Amino acid sequence: QVQLVESGGGLVQAGGSLRLSCVWSGSFFSILGMGWYRQAPGKQREFIAGADASSAMKARFTMSSDNAKNTLYLQMNNLRVDDTAVYSCAAEALLSREGSPVRSWGQGTQVTVSS
C-alpha cells in the first residue's frame, strides 16, 4: 500500500501563502493519480487539487510534484480565513499489475488562517 505523510501546515495570516508537502512511500506497482483534499470542522471533505480541479481552486492552489523526492506539493496563495481546514493528500495506486486501484490517505496537516 502507499504510505503518505503530509507536512507544512501551520498558522498564517489572511493573504499569506503556505506550501504543503506529501511524501509517498510503500510497496505498489504504480500510482495512477494523486490529489489534495481538505476538511473543515463540520464540513464534508472537499477536493481541491489534482486532475479535474475546478478553475476556482486552481486560481489559488497549485499542485506539483518532484518524483525524484517522491514528494507532492500544494502551493496555496492568497489564503482566506475559510481556507482553515485539515489538508490531506491521497493516492490511487495499483498494488499489482492485475489488481484494482486502491486509495490511500495521509494523516493530514492542519492549516489555520487568521484574520
Protein backbone atom coordinates (compact mmCIF):
# COMPACT_ATOMS: atom_id res chain seq x y z
CA GLN A 1 0.00 0.00 0.00
CA VAL A 2 1.03 3.62 -0.40
CA GLN A 3 2.06 5.49 2.74
CA LEU A 4 1.58 9.25 2.65
CA VAL A 5 2.97 11.78 5.12
CA GLU A 6 1.98 15.44 4.90
CA SER A 7 3.82 18.40 6.38
CA GLY A 8 3.98 22.15 6.09
CA GLY A 9 0.75 23.17 7.77
CA GLY A 10 0.57 25.90 10.36
CA LEU A 11 -0.82 29.29 11.24
CA VAL A 12 -0.80 32.00 8.59
CA GLN A 13 -2.44 35.39 8.24
CA ALA A 14 -5.09 36.02 5.65
CA GLY A 15 -3.50 36.90 2.33
CA GLY A 16 -0.44 34.81 3.08
CA SER A 17 0.92 31.67 1.46
CA LEU A 18 1.88 28.16 2.51
CA ARG A 19 3.36 25.19 0.74
CA LEU A 20 2.36 21.74 1.88
CA SER A 21 4.34 18.61 1.16
CA CYS A 22 3.27 14.99 0.91
CA VAL A 23 5.92 12.28 0.79
CA TRP A 24 4.88 8.93 -0.60
CA SER A 25 6.43 5.53 0.02
CA GLY A 26 5.48 1.89 0.20
CA SER A 27 5.14 -1.16 -1.97
CA PHE A 28 2.98 -0.78 -5.05
CA PHE A 29 3.02 -1.42 -8.80
CA SER A 30 2.17 2.12 -9.91
CA ILE A 31 0.46 5.28 -8.77
CA LEU A 32 -2.42 6.22 -11.05
CA GLY A 33 -3.06 9.65 -9.63
CA MET A 34 -2.70 11.90 -6.61
CA GLY A 35 -4.58 14.83 -5.24
CA TRP A 36 -5.17 17.14 -2.32
CA TYR A 37 -8.30 17.39 -0.19
CA ARG A 38 -9.32 19.39 2.82
CA GLN A 39 -11.90 19.09 5.56
CA ALA A 40 -13.04 21.94 7.75
CA PRO A 41 -14.81 21.30 11.07
CA GLY A 42 -18.42 20.33 10.50
CA LYS A 43 -18.00 20.17 6.73
CA GLN A 44 -17.58 17.41 4.19
CA ARG A 45 -14.20 16.62 2.71
CA GLU A 46 -13.53 18.79 -0.34
CA PHE A 47 -11.34 18.01 -3.36
CA ILE A 48 -9.07 20.95 -4.08
CA ALA A 49 -6.16 19.98 -6.34
CA GLY A 50 -5.43 17.28 -8.86
CA ALA A 51 -6.92 16.12 -12.12
CA ASP A 52 -10.21 17.92 -12.87
CA ALA A 53 -9.75 20.51 -10.14
CA SER A 54 -12.05 23.49 -10.53
CA SER A 55 -10.78 26.73 -12.00
CA ALA A 56 -11.66 28.49 -8.76
CA MET A 57 -9.34 26.20 -6.85
CA LYS A 58 -6.61 26.39 -9.47
CA ALA A 59 -6.57 30.15 -9.13
CA ARG A 60 -5.10 29.91 -5.63
CA PHE A 61 -3.99 26.29 -5.19
CA THR A 62 -1.27 24.75 -7.36
CA MET A 63 -0.25 21.12 -7.20
CA SER A 64 3.16 19.95 -8.32
CA SER A 65 5.45 17.01 -7.72
CA ASP A 66 9.09 16.06 -7.55
CA ASN A 67 9.24 12.38 -8.46
CA ALA A 68 12.93 12.19 -7.57
CA LYS A 69 11.96 13.06 -4.00
CA ASN A 70 8.66 11.13 -4.00
CA THR A 71 7.01 14.36 -2.95
CA LEU A 72 3.75 16.03 -3.88
CA TYR A 73 3.34 19.74 -3.16
CA LEU A 74 0.43 22.09 -2.72
CA GLN A 75 1.22 25.77 -3.08
CA MET A 76 -1.53 27.85 -1.51
CA ASN A 77 -1.66 31.59 -2.17
CA ASN A 78 -3.86 34.45 -1.00
CA LEU A 79 -5.20 32.35 1.83
CA ARG A 80 -8.52 33.23 3.42
CA VAL A 81 -9.96 32.51 6.83
CA ASP A 82 -12.36 30.00 5.29
CA ASP A 83 -9.40 28.00 3.96
CA THR A 84 -8.83 26.82 7.54
CA ALA A 85 -9.01 23.03 7.49
CA VAL A 86 -7.08 19.79 7.73
CA TYR A 87 -5.38 19.22 4.40
CA SER A 88 -4.68 15.68 3.23
CA CYS A 89 -3.13 14.11 0.20
CA ALA A 90 -4.48 10.98 -1.42
CA ALA A 91 -3.10 8.49 -3.89
CA GLU A 92 -4.82 5.97 -6.13
CA ALA A 93 -2.48 3.09 -6.85
CA LEU A 94 -2.26 -0.38 -8.29
CA LEU A 95 -0.67 -2.72 -5.77
CA SER A 96 -0.03 -5.25 -8.54
CA ARG A 97 -0.29 -5.26 -12.31
CA GLU A 98 -3.55 -7.20 -12.20
CA GLY A 99 -5.05 -5.59 -9.12
CA SER A 100 -7.76 -2.99 -8.71
CA PRO A 101 -6.96 0.60 -7.75
CA VAL A 102 -6.62 1.26 -4.04
CA ARG A 103 -6.91 4.70 -2.48
CA SER A 104 -4.61 5.69 0.37
CA TRP A 105 -4.76 8.78 2.58
CA GLY A 106 -2.26 10.68 4.64
CA GLN A 107 -2.96 11.70 8.22
CA GLY A 108 -3.44 15.34 7.28
CA THR A 109 -1.86 18.61 8.29
CA GLN A 110 -3.70 21.49 9.94
CA VAL A 111 -3.81 24.84 8.19
CA THR A 112 -5.21 27.76 10.18
CA VAL A 113 -5.71 31.15 8.57
CA SER A 114 -6.18 34.11 10.91
CA SER A 115 -7.81 37.41 10.05
